[in-house]
PDB file of N, CA and C in Angstrom:
ATOM      1  N   MET A   1       0.712  -1.058  -0.455  1.00  0.00           N
ATOM      2  CA  MET A   1      -0.120  -0.440   0.025  1.00  0.00           C
ATOM      3  C   MET A   1       0.690   1.151  -0.055  1.00  0.00           C
ATOM      4  N   ALA A   2       0.414   2.686  -0.859  1.00  0.00           N
ATOM      5  CA  ALA A   2       0.894   3.679  -0.871  1.00  0.00           C
ATOM      6  C   ALA A   2       0.235   4.498  -0.343  1.00  0.00           C
ATOM      7  N   THR A   3       0.413   5.523   0.074  1.00  0.00           N
ATOM      8  CA  THR A   3      -0.281   6.832   0.708  1.00  0.00           C
ATOM      9  C   THR A   3       0.223   7.739   0.188  1.00  0.00           C
ATOM     10  N   ALA A   4      -0.482   8.646  -0.856  1.00  0.00           N
ATOM     11  CA  ALA A   4      -0.057   9.353  -1.677  1.00  0.00           C
ATOM     12  C   ALA A   4      -0.999  10.940  -1.100  1.00  0.00           C
ATOM     13  N   GLY A   5       0.007  12.176  -1.485  1.00  0.00           N
ATOM     14  CA  GLY A   5      -0.627  13.325  -1.066  1.00  0.00           C
ATOM     15  C   GLY A   5       0.784  14.324  -1.825  1.00  0.00           C
ATOM     16  N   VAL A   6       0.796  15.868  -0.897  1.00  0.00           N
ATOM     17  CA  VAL A   6       1.877  16.336  -1.555  1.00  0.00           C
ATOM     18  C   VAL A   6       2.728  16.914  -0.684  1.00  0.00           C
ATOM     19  N   SER A   7       3.739  17.060  -1.245  1.00  0.00           N
ATOM     20  CA  SER A   7       5.101  17.425  -0.145  1.00  0.00           C
ATOM     21  C   SER A   7       4.928  18.981   0.378  1.00  0.00           C
ATOM     22  N   GLU A   8       5.890  19.150   1.558  1.00  0.00           N
ATOM     23  CA  GLU A   8       5.915  20.040   1.947  1.00  0.00           C
ATOM     24  C   GLU A   8       6.501  21.310   1.217  1.00  0.00           C
ATOM     25  N   TYR A   9       7.079  21.029   0.608  1.00  0.00           N
ATOM     26  CA  TYR A   9       7.988  21.950  -1.229  1.00  0.00           C
ATOM     27  C   TYR A   9       6.216  22.216  -1.675  1.00  0.00           C
ATOM     28  N   ALA A  10       5.565  21.089  -2.499  1.00  0.00           N
ATOM     29  CA  ALA A  10       4.430  21.942  -3.382  1.00  0.00           C
ATOM     30  C   ALA A  10       3.038  22.875  -2.228  1.00  0.00           C
ATOM     31  N   VAL A  11       3.367  22.222  -1.214  1.00  0.00           N
ATOM     32  CA  VAL A  11       2.216  23.053  -0.402  1.00  0.00           C
ATOM     33  C   VAL A  11       2.642  24.681  -0.164  1.00  0.00           C
ATOM     34  N   GLU A  12       4.289  25.074   0.191  1.00  0.00           N
ATOM     35  CA  GLU A  12       4.388  26.144   0.110  1.00  0.00           C
ATOM     36  C   GLU A  12       4.816  26.695  -1.445  1.00  0.00           C
ATOM     37  N   ALA A  13       5.060  26.282  -2.552  1.00  0.00           N
ATOM     38  CA  ALA A  13       4.430  26.573  -3.666  1.00  0.00           C
ATOM     39  C   ALA A  13       3.439  27.094  -3.846  1.00  0.00           C
ATOM     40  N   LEU A  14       2.140  26.555  -3.107  1.00  0.00           N
ATOM     41  CA  LEU A  14       1.021  27.067  -3.112  1.00  0.00           C
ATOM     42  C   LEU A  14       0.488  28.115  -2.291  1.00  0.00           C
ATOM     43  N   ASN A  15       1.485  28.434  -1.195  1.00  0.00           N
ATOM     44  CA  ASN A  15       0.757  29.272  -0.396  1.00  0.00           C
ATOM     45  C   ASN A  15      -0.034  29.167   0.788  1.00  0.00           C
ATOM     46  N   ARG A  16      -0.142  27.708   0.792  1.00  0.00           N
ATOM     47  CA  ARG A  16      -0.609  26.922   1.591  1.00  0.00           C
ATOM     48  C   ARG A  16      -2.358  27.378   1.733  1.00  0.00           C
ATOM     49  N   ASP A  17      -2.576  28.158   0.568  1.00  0.00           N
ATOM     50  CA  ASP A  17      -3.973  28.142   0.272  1.00  0.00           C
ATOM     51  C   ASP A  17      -4.748  27.747  -0.086  1.00  0.00           C
ATOM     52  N   ILE A  18      -4.794  26.386   0.456  1.00  0.00           N
ATOM     53  CA  ILE A  18      -5.625  25.186  -0.574  1.00  0.00           C
ATOM     54  C   ILE A  18      -6.898  25.546  -0.309  1.00  0.00           C
ATOM     55  N   VAL A  19      -7.928  25.618  -0.937  1.00  0.00           N
ATOM     56  CA  VAL A  19      -9.451  25.976  -1.430  1.00  0.00           C
ATOM     57  C   VAL A  19     -10.020  24.816  -1.638  1.00  0.00           C
ATOM     58  N   PHE A  20      -9.609  23.402  -2.595  1.00  0.00           N
ATOM     59  CA  PHE A  20     -10.432  22.891  -3.335  1.00  0.00           C
ATOM     60  C   PHE A  20      -9.569  21.582  -3.237  1.00  0.00           C
ATOM     61  N   VAL A  21     -10.066  20.093  -3.079  1.00  0.00           N
ATOM     62  CA  VAL A  21      -9.198  19.404  -3.437  1.00  0.00           C
ATOM     63  C   VAL A  21     -10.210  18.067  -4.327  1.00  0.00           C
ATOM     64  N   GLU A  22     -10.005  17.929  -5.406  1.00  0.00           N
ATOM     65  CA  GLU A  22     -10.806  16.554  -6.661  1.00  0.00           C
ATOM     66  C   GLU A  22      -9.947  15.255  -6.459  1.00  0.00           C
ATOM     67  N   LEU A  23     -10.370  14.338  -5.724  1.00  0.00           N
ATOM     68  CA  LEU A  23      -9.855  13.234  -5.670  1.00  0.00           C
ATOM     69  C   LEU A  23     -11.061  11.924  -5.928  1.00  0.00           C
ATOM     70  N   PRO A  24     -10.180  10.920  -6.711  1.00  0.00           N
ATOM     71  CA  PRO A  24     -10.813   9.612  -7.234  1.00  0.00           C
ATOM     72  C   PRO A  24     -11.431   9.063  -6.081  1.00  0.00           C
ATOM     73  N   ALA A  25     -12.721   8.258  -6.504  1.00  0.00           N
ATOM     74  CA  ALA A  25     -13.443   7.442  -5.726  1.00  0.00           C
ATOM     75  C   ALA A  25     -12.690   6.407  -5.324  1.00  0.00           C
ATOM     76  N   VAL A  26     -12.747   6.201  -4.466  1.00  0.00           N
ATOM     77  CA  VAL A  26     -12.355   4.056  -3.862  1.00  0.00           C
ATOM     78  C   VAL A  26     -12.923   3.157  -5.207  1.00  0.00           C
ATOM     79  N   GLY A  27     -11.694   2.525  -5.175  1.00  0.00           N
ATOM     80  CA  GLY A  27     -12.144   1.580  -6.583  1.00  0.00           C
ATOM     81  C   GLY A  27     -11.454   2.386  -7.774  1.00  0.00           C
ATOM     82  N   THR A  28     -11.231   3.022  -7.708  1.00  0.00           N
ATOM     83  CA  THR A  28     -10.692   3.457  -9.367  1.00  0.00           C
ATOM     84  C   THR A  28      -9.233   3.399  -9.071  1.00  0.00           C
ATOM     85  N   VAL A  29      -8.556   2.940 -10.723  1.00  0.00           N
ATOM     86  CA  VAL A  29      -7.464   2.568 -10.843  1.00  0.00           C
ATOM     87  C   VAL A  29      -6.498   3.637 -11.548  1.00  0.00           C
ATOM     88  N   VAL A  30      -5.668   3.823 -10.704  1.00  0.00           N
ATOM     89  CA  VAL A  30      -4.524   4.979 -10.772  1.00  0.00           C
ATOM     90  C   VAL A  30      -3.393   4.199 -12.223  1.00  0.00           C
ATOM     91  N   GLU A  31      -2.617   5.283 -12.465  1.00  0.00           N
ATOM     92  CA  GLU A  31      -1.378   4.729 -13.226  1.00  0.00           C
ATOM     93  C   GLU A  31      -0.339   5.726 -12.852  1.00  0.00           C
ATOM     94  N   GLN A  32       0.814   5.190 -12.504  1.00  0.00           N
ATOM     95  CA  GLN A  32       2.033   5.590 -12.081  1.00  0.00           C
ATOM     96  C   GLN A  32       2.434   7.157 -13.172  1.00  0.00           C
ATOM     97  N   GLY A  33       2.450   8.176 -12.579  1.00  0.00           N
ATOM     98  CA  GLY A  33       2.653   9.585 -13.726  1.00  0.00           C
ATOM     99  C   GLY A  33       1.422   9.891 -14.355  1.00  0.00           C
ATOM    100  N   LYS A  34       0.506   9.559 -14.272  1.00  0.00           N
ATOM    101  CA  LYS A  34      -0.853  10.178 -14.374  1.00  0.00           C
ATOM    102  C   LYS A  34      -1.650  10.870 -13.751  1.00  0.00           C
ATOM    103  N   PRO A  35      -2.438  11.854 -14.256  1.00  0.00           N
ATOM    104  CA  PRO A  35      -3.272  12.813 -13.226  1.00  0.00           C
ATOM    105  C   PRO A  35      -4.422  11.573 -12.098  1.00  0.00           C
ATOM    106  N   PHE A  36      -4.483  11.722 -11.137  1.00  0.00           N
ATOM    107  CA  PHE A  36      -5.596  11.438 -10.249  1.00  0.00           C
ATOM    108  C   PHE A  36      -6.613  12.006  -9.818  1.00  0.00           C
ATOM    109  N   GLY A  37      -5.870  13.661  -9.428  1.00  0.00           N
ATOM    110  CA  GLY A  37      -7.334  14.342  -9.207  1.00  0.00           C
ATOM    111  C   GLY A  37      -6.648  15.791  -9.366  1.00  0.00           C
ATOM    112  N   VAL A  38      -7.074  16.789  -8.661  1.00  0.00           N
ATOM    113  CA  VAL A  38      -6.685  18.295  -8.722  1.00  0.00           C
ATOM    114  C   VAL A  38      -6.749  18.814  -7.429  1.00  0.00           C
ATOM    115  N   ILE A  39      -5.825  19.587  -7.474  1.00  0.00           N
ATOM    116  CA  ILE A  39      -5.619  20.477  -6.212  1.00  0.00           C
ATOM    117  C   ILE A  39      -5.645  21.816  -6.539  1.00  0.00           C
ATOM    118  N   GLU A  40      -6.399  23.085  -6.103  1.00  0.00           N
ATOM    119  CA  GLU A  40      -6.580  24.360  -6.366  1.00  0.00           C
ATOM    120  C   GLU A  40      -6.129  25.141  -4.869  1.00  0.00           C
ATOM    121  N   ALA A  41      -5.619  26.350  -5.081  1.00  0.00           N
ATOM    122  CA  ALA A  41      -5.153  27.203  -4.348  1.00  0.00           C
ATOM    123  C   ALA A  41      -5.921  28.257  -4.905  1.00  0.00           C
ATOM    124  N   VAL A  42      -5.708  29.258  -3.743  1.00  0.00           N
ATOM    125  CA  VAL A  42      -6.328  30.375  -4.686  1.00  0.00           C
ATOM    126  C   VAL A  42      -6.355  31.387  -5.451  1.00  0.00           C
ATOM    127  N   LYS A  43      -4.883  31.023  -6.484  1.00  0.00           N
ATOM    128  CA  LYS A  43      -4.802  31.699  -7.597  1.00  0.00           C
ATOM    129  C   LYS A  43      -4.228  30.543  -8.527  1.00  0.00           C
ATOM    130  N   ALA A  44      -4.328  29.235  -8.081  1.00  0.00           N
ATOM    131  CA  ALA A  44      -3.933  28.234  -9.070  1.00  0.00           C
ATOM    132  C   ALA A  44      -4.569  26.778  -9.109  1.00  0.00           C
ATOM    133  N   VAL A  45      -4.667  26.378  -9.926  1.00  0.00           N
ATOM    134  CA  VAL A  45      -5.373  24.884 -10.142  1.00  0.00           C
ATOM    135  C   VAL A  45      -4.336  23.849 -10.781  1.00  0.00           C
ATOM    136  N   TYR A  46      -3.681  22.538  -9.910  1.00  0.00           N
ATOM    137  CA  TYR A  46      -2.953  21.646 -10.659  1.00  0.00           C
ATOM    138  C   TYR A  46      -3.843  20.268 -10.624  1.00  0.00           C
ATOM    139  N   ASP A  47      -2.558  19.430 -11.863  1.00  0.00           N
ATOM    140  CA  ASP A  47      -3.054  18.071 -11.484  1.00  0.00           C
ATOM    141  C   ASP A  47      -1.893  17.590 -10.487  1.00  0.00           C
ATOM    142  N   LEU A  48      -2.876  16.300  -9.862  1.00  0.00           N
ATOM    143  CA  LEU A  48      -2.277  15.782  -8.847  1.00  0.00           C
ATOM    144  C   LEU A  48      -1.370  14.180  -9.635  1.00  0.00           C
ATOM    145  N   PHE A  49      -0.671  13.953  -9.503  1.00  0.00           N
ATOM    146  CA  PHE A  49      -0.150  12.440 -10.003  1.00  0.00           C
ATOM    147  C   PHE A  49       0.293  11.474  -9.469  1.00  0.00           C
ATOM    148  N   ALA A  50      -0.509  10.360 -10.062  1.00  0.00           N
ATOM    149  CA  ALA A  50      -0.290   8.922  -9.045  1.00  0.00           C
ATOM    150  C   ALA A  50       1.428   8.909  -9.010  1.00  0.00           C
ATOM    151  N   PRO A  51       1.932   8.416  -7.649  1.00  0.00           N
ATOM    152  CA  PRO A  51       3.240   7.785  -7.581  1.00  0.00           C
ATOM    153  C   PRO A  51       3.590   6.153  -7.973  1.00  0.00           C
ATOM    154  N   VAL A  52       2.417   5.598  -8.245  1.00  0.00           N
ATOM    155  CA  VAL A  52       2.604   4.552  -8.537  1.00  0.00           C
ATOM    156  C   VAL A  52       0.960   3.809  -8.901  1.00  0.00           C
ATOM    157  N   SER A  53       1.202   3.105  -9.648  1.00  0.00           N
ATOM    158  CA  SER A  53      -0.128   2.622 -10.260  1.00  0.00           C
ATOM    159  C   SER A  53      -0.847   1.221  -9.300  1.00  0.00           C
ATOM    160  N   GLY A  54      -1.751   1.393  -9.473  1.00  0.00           N
ATOM    161  CA  GLY A  54      -2.854   0.797  -8.456  1.00  0.00           C
ATOM    162  C   GLY A  54      -4.052   0.785  -8.489  1.00  0.00           C
ATOM    163  N   ARG A  55      -5.124   0.530  -7.502  1.00  0.00           N
ATOM    164  CA  ARG A  55      -6.231   0.687  -7.158  1.00  0.00           C
ATOM    165  C   ARG A  55      -6.274   1.639  -5.925  1.00  0.00           C
ATOM    166  N   VAL A  56      -6.788   2.814  -5.525  1.00  0.00           N
ATOM    167  CA  VAL A  56      -7.816   3.620  -4.788  1.00  0.00           C
ATOM    168  C   VAL A  56      -8.602   2.888  -3.889  1.00  0.00           C
ATOM    169  N   ILE A  57      -7.793   2.208  -2.640  1.00  0.00           N
ATOM    170  CA  ILE A  57      -8.477   1.788  -1.780  1.00  0.00           C
ATOM    171  C   ILE A  57      -8.894   2.475  -0.106  1.00  0.00           C
ATOM    172  N   GLU A  58      -8.705   3.884  -0.459  1.00  0.00           N
ATOM    173  CA  GLU A  58      -8.958   4.674   0.840  1.00  0.00           C
ATOM    174  C   GLU A  58      -9.139   6.106   0.340  1.00  0.00           C
ATOM    175  N   VAL A  59     -10.104   6.990   0.325  1.00  0.00           N
ATOM    176  CA  VAL A  59      -9.768   8.834  -0.061  1.00  0.00           C
ATOM    177  C   VAL A  59     -10.002   9.370   1.273  1.00  0.00           C
ATOM    178  N   ASN A  60      -9.353  10.489   1.813  1.00  0.00           N
ATOM    179  CA  ASN A  60      -9.010  10.846   2.814  1.00  0.00           C
ATOM    180  C   ASN A  60     -10.058  11.934   3.391  1.00  0.00           C
ATOM    181  N   PRO A  61     -11.600  11.281   3.795  1.00  0.00           N
ATOM    182  CA  PRO A  61     -12.569  11.720   4.432  1.00  0.00           C
ATOM    183  C   PRO A  61     -12.464  13.618   4.694  1.00  0.00           C
ATOM    184  N   ALA A  62     -11.266  13.482   5.153  1.00  0.00           N
ATOM    185  CA  ALA A  62     -11.292  15.022   6.040  1.00  0.00           C
ATOM    186  C   ALA A  62     -11.122  15.976   5.137  1.00  0.00           C
ATOM    187  N   LEU A  63     -10.219  15.998   3.836  1.00  0.00           N
ATOM    188  CA  LEU A  63     -10.411  16.850   2.694  1.00  0.00           C
ATOM    189  C   LEU A  63     -11.788  17.092   2.036  1.00  0.00           C
ATOM    190  N   ALA A  64     -12.726  16.567   2.399  1.00  0.00           N
ATOM    191  CA  ALA A  64     -13.823  17.124   1.756  1.00  0.00           C
ATOM    192  C   ALA A  64     -14.445  18.300   2.410  1.00  0.00           C
ATOM    193  N   ASN A  65     -14.291  18.255   3.504  1.00  0.00           N
ATOM    194  CA  ASN A  65     -15.167  19.249   4.356  1.00  0.00           C
ATOM    195  C   ASN A  65     -13.946  20.479   4.641  1.00  0.00           C
ATOM    196  N   ASP A  66     -12.627  20.283   4.559  1.00  0.00           N
ATOM    197  CA  ASP A  66     -11.502  21.043   4.728  1.00  0.00           C
ATOM    198  C   ASP A  66     -10.504  20.489   4.369  1.00  0.00           C
ATOM    199  N   PRO A  67     -10.395  21.077   3.187  1.00  0.00           N
ATOM    200  CA  PRO A  67      -8.894  20.665   2.064  1.00  0.00           C
ATOM    201  C   PRO A  67      -8.117  21.769   2.402  1.00  0.00           C
ATOM    202  N   GLY A  68      -7.996  22.271   3.368  1.00  0.00           N
ATOM    203  CA  GLY A  68      -6.782  23.298   3.573  1.00  0.00           C
ATOM    204  C   GLY A  68      -6.038  22.444   4.942  1.00  0.00           C
ATOM    205  N   VAL A  69      -6.531  21.252   5.204  1.00  0.00           N
ATOM    206  CA  VAL A  69      -5.565  20.506   6.131  1.00  0.00           C
ATOM    207  C   VAL A  69      -4.261  19.955   5.108  1.00  0.00           C
ATOM    208  N   VAL A  70      -4.613  20.157   3.997  1.00  0.00           N
ATOM    209  CA  VAL A  70      -3.399  19.579   2.968  1.00  0.00           C
ATOM    210  C   VAL A  70      -2.159  20.429   3.554  1.00  0.00           C
ATOM    211  N   GLY A  71      -2.841  22.113   3.455  1.00  0.00           N
ATOM    212  CA  GLY A  71      -1.526  23.144   3.667  1.00  0.00           C
ATOM    213  C   GLY A  71      -1.010  23.068   4.831  1.00  0.00           C
ATOM    214  N   ARG A  72      -1.985  22.699   6.045  1.00  0.00           N
ATOM    215  CA  ARG A  72      -1.832  22.658   7.368  1.00  0.00           C
ATOM    216  C   ARG A  72      -0.652  21.509   7.504  1.00  0.00           C
ATOM    217  N   LEU A  73      -1.033  20.220   7.248  1.00  0.00           N
ATOM    218  CA  LEU A  73      -0.393  19.225   7.803  1.00  0.00           C
ATOM    219  C   LEU A  73      -0.257  17.801   6.296  1.00  0.00           C
ATOM    220  N   PRO A  74       0.784  18.507   5.633  1.00  0.00           N
ATOM    221  CA  PRO A  74       0.832  18.048   4.559  1.00  0.00           C
ATOM    222  C   PRO A  74       1.205  15.967   4.527  1.00  0.00           C
ATOM    223  N   TRP A  75       2.021  16.070   5.514  1.00  0.00           N
ATOM    224  CA  TRP A  75       3.261  14.765   5.902  1.00  0.00           C
ATOM    225  C   TRP A  75       2.269  14.029   7.239  1.00  0.00           C
ATOM    226  N   THR A  76       1.091  14.590   7.543  1.00  0.00           N
ATOM    227  CA  THR A  76       0.319  13.554   8.299  1.00  0.00           C
ATOM    228  C   THR A  76      -1.007  13.741   8.106  1.00  0.00           C
ATOM    229  N   ASP A  77      -2.096  14.731   8.453  1.00  0.00           N
ATOM    230  CA  ASP A  77      -3.545  14.791   8.355  1.00  0.00           C
ATOM    231  C   ASP A  77      -3.869  14.844   6.868  1.00  0.00           C
ATOM    232  N   GLY A  78      -2.630  15.505   6.339  1.00  0.00           N
ATOM    233  CA  GLY A  78      -2.928  15.565   4.790  1.00  0.00           C
ATOM    234  C   GLY A  78      -3.029  15.088   3.889  1.00  0.00           C
ATOM    235  N   TRP A  79      -2.909  13.903   3.624  1.00  0.00           N
ATOM    236  CA  TRP A  79      -2.721  12.614   2.873  1.00  0.00           C
ATOM    237  C   TRP A  79      -4.066  12.352   2.482  1.00  0.00           C
ATOM    238  N   MET A  80      -3.796  12.401   1.197  1.00  0.00           N
ATOM    239  CA  MET A  80      -4.931  11.834   0.222  1.00  0.00           C
ATOM    240  C   MET A  80      -5.646  10.844  -0.317  1.00  0.00           C
ATOM    241  N   ILE A  81      -4.753   9.913  -0.523  1.00  0.00           N
ATOM    242  CA  ILE A  81      -5.404   8.961  -1.206  1.00  0.00           C
ATOM    243  C   ILE A  81      -3.970   7.721  -0.674  1.00  0.00           C
ATOM    244  N   ARG A  82      -4.760   6.276  -0.755  1.00  0.00           N
ATOM    245  CA  ARG A  82      -4.410   5.202  -0.628  1.00  0.00           C
ATOM    246  C   ARG A  82      -4.190   4.202  -1.531  1.00  0.00           C
ATOM    247  N   ILE A  83      -3.149   3.733  -2.348  1.00  0.00           N
ATOM    248  CA  ILE A  83      -3.295   2.806  -3.357  1.00  0.00           C
ATOM    249  C   ILE A  83      -2.408   1.351  -3.324  1.00  0.00           C
ATOM    250  N   GLU A  84      -3.550   0.335  -3.697  1.00  0.00           N
ATOM    251  CA  GLU A  84      -3.204  -0.421  -3.391  1.00  0.00           C
ATOM    252  C   GLU A  84      -2.046  -0.825  -4.724  1.00  0.00           C
ATOM    253  N   ILE A  85      -0.652  -1.178  -4.320  1.00  0.00           N
ATOM    254  CA  ILE A  85       0.348  -0.807  -5.786  1.00  0.00           C
ATOM    255  C   ILE A  85      -0.028  -2.157  -6.434  1.00  0.00           C
ATOM    256  N   SER A  86      -0.016  -2.315  -7.399  1.00  0.00           N
ATOM    257  CA  SER A  86      -0.259  -3.182  -8.738  1.00  0.00           C
ATOM    258  C   SER A  86       1.176  -3.730  -8.873  1.00  0.00           C
ATOM    259  N   ASP A  87       2.669  -2.890  -9.338  1.00  0.00           N
ATOM    260  CA  ASP A  87       3.466  -3.278  -9.305  1.00  0.00           C
ATOM    261  C   ASP A  87       4.266  -2.349  -8.594  1.00  0.00           C
ATOM    262  N   PRO A  88       5.034  -3.239  -7.737  1.00  0.00           N
ATOM    263  CA  PRO A  88       5.752  -2.385  -6.678  1.00  0.00           C
ATOM    264  C   PRO A  88       7.229  -2.326  -7.292  1.00  0.00           C
ATOM    265  N   GLN A  89       7.609  -2.918  -8.442  1.00  0.00           N
ATOM    266  CA  GLN A  89       8.554  -2.365  -9.110  1.00  0.00           C
ATOM    267  C   GLN A  89       8.576  -0.975  -9.358  1.00  0.00           C
ATOM    268  N   GLU A  90       7.504  -0.591  -9.987  1.00  0.00           N
ATOM    269  CA  GLU A  90       7.501   1.258 -10.073  1.00  0.00           C
ATOM    270  C   GLU A  90       8.264   1.882  -9.099  1.00  0.00           C
ATOM    271  N   LEU A  91       8.062   1.332  -7.580  1.00  0.00           N
ATOM    272  CA  LEU A  91       8.821   2.228  -6.700  1.00  0.00           C
ATOM    273  C   LEU A  91      10.273   2.819  -6.964  1.00  0.00           C
ATOM    274  N   ASP A  92      10.685   1.809  -7.562  1.00  0.00           N
ATOM    275  CA  ASP A  92      11.941   1.958  -8.101  1.00  0.00           C
ATOM    276  C   ASP A  92      12.325   3.113  -9.157  1.00  0.00           C
ATOM    277  N   ASN A  93      11.284   3.730  -9.905  1.00  0.00           N
ATOM    278  CA  ASN A  93      11.161   4.910 -10.307  1.00  0.00           C
ATOM    279  C   ASN A  93      10.888   5.796  -9.547  1.00  0.00           C
ATOM    280  N   LEU A  94      10.552   6.270  -8.504  1.00  0.00           N
ATOM    281  CA  LEU A  94      10.410   6.961  -7.364  1.00  0.00           C
ATOM    282  C   LEU A  94      11.857   8.104  -6.980  1.00  0.00           C
ATOM    283  N   LEU A  95      11.743   8.828  -6.362  1.00  0.00           N
ATOM    284  CA  LEU A  95      13.353   9.403  -5.959  1.00  0.00           C
ATOM    285  C   LEU A  95      13.038   9.691  -4.490  1.00  0.00           C
ATOM    286  N   THR A  96      14.473   8.954  -4.339  1.00  0.00           N
ATOM    287  CA  THR A  96      14.707   8.847  -2.906  1.00  0.00           C
ATOM    288  C   THR A  96      14.210  10.699  -1.900  1.00  0.00           C
ATOM    289  N   PRO A  97      14.702  10.680  -0.879  1.00  0.00           N
ATOM    290  CA  PRO A  97      14.643  12.124  -0.379  1.00  0.00           C
ATOM    291  C   PRO A  97      15.371  12.977  -0.499  1.00  0.00           C
ATOM    292  N   MET A  98      16.475  12.261  -0.737  1.00  0.00           N
ATOM    293  CA  MET A  98      17.978  12.849  -1.227  1.00  0.00           C
ATOM    294  C   MET A  98      17.933  13.522  -2.321  1.00  0.00           C
ATOM    295  N   GLN A  99      17.609  12.658  -3.546  1.00  0.00           N
ATOM    296  CA  GLN A  99      17.451  13.110  -4.917  1.00  0.00           C
ATOM    297  C   GLN A  99      16.406  14.269  -4.928  1.00  0.00           C
ATOM    298  N   TYR A 100      15.352  14.238  -4.123  1.00  0.00           N
ATOM    299  CA  TYR A 100      14.069  15.174  -4.771  1.00  0.00           C
ATOM    300  C   TYR A 100      14.392  16.684  -3.891  1.00  0.00           C
ATOM    301  N   ALA A 101      15.130  16.790  -2.486  1.00  0.00           N
ATOM    302  CA  ALA A 101      15.751  17.539  -1.662  1.00  0.00           C
ATOM    303  C   ALA A 101      16.986  18.255  -2.841  1.00  0.00           C
ATOM    304  N   GLU A 102      17.828  17.051  -3.734  1.00  0.00           N
ATOM    305  CA  GLU A 102      18.646  17.962  -4.744  1.00  0.00           C
ATOM    306  C   GLU A 102      17.853  18.787  -6.271  1.00  0.00           C
ATOM    307  N   GLN A 103      16.488  18.047  -6.163  1.00  0.00           N
ATOM    308  CA  GLN A 103      16.026  18.593  -7.667  1.00  0.00           C
ATOM    309  C   GLN A 103      15.340  19.774  -7.013  1.00  0.00           C
ATOM    310  N   ILE A 104      14.666  20.187  -5.974  1.00  0.00           N
ATOM    311  CA  ILE A 104      14.307  21.127  -5.098  1.00  0.00           C
ATOM    312  C   ILE A 104      15.354  22.408  -5.223  1.00  0.00           C
ATOM    313  N   ALA A 105      16.002  21.952  -4.792  1.00  0.00           N
ATOM    314  CA  ALA A 105      17.507  23.429  -4.721  1.00  0.00           C
ATOM    315  C   ALA A 105      17.831  23.708  -5.765  1.00  0.00           C
ATOM    316  N   SER A 106      17.911  23.035  -7.084  1.00  0.00           N
ATOM    317  CA  SER A 106      18.554  23.259  -8.380  1.00  0.00           C
ATOM    318  C   SER A 106      17.679  23.540  -9.194  1.00  0.00           C
ATOM    319  N   GLU A 107      15.768  23.786  -8.996  1.00  0.00           N
ATOM    320  CA  GLU A 107      15.352  24.531  -8.735  1.00  0.00           C
ATOM    321  C   GLU A 107      15.072  26.035  -8.562  1.00  0.00           C
ATOM    322  N   LYS A 108      15.231  26.039  -7.515  1.00  0.00           N
ATOM    323  CA  LYS A 108      15.421  27.011  -6.811  1.00  0.00           C
ATOM    324  C   LYS A 108      16.438  28.129  -7.026  1.00  0.00           C
ATOM    325  N   HIS A 109      17.612  28.083  -7.886  1.00  0.00           N
ATOM    326  CA  HIS A 109      18.200  28.428  -8.524  1.00  0.00           C
ATOM    327  C   HIS A 109      18.326  29.232  -9.906  1.00  0.00           C
TER     328      HIS A 109
END
């Protein structure tokens, strides 16, 4: 199982002003690297991309009433969906925390 959401860096890029989150229904099949939903901040709308392929087994119910929790607590209560991974080898395609930090640092320059 994988838990998907957005990173602290992404939340900061949205100025923490998350006003709406559109997520797939439980049972939806998502594909790695493809959009699975939408996140809307006060001044922008962005697609959300699946980190792995699989079936959505849970959607965070708290986001329906308070999408701002994504901006306040992205690593804990602000998770979006849980995915039953269909191909564990796809995990090899993900960045490590160090690679992600390096990517962020290079984008800031």
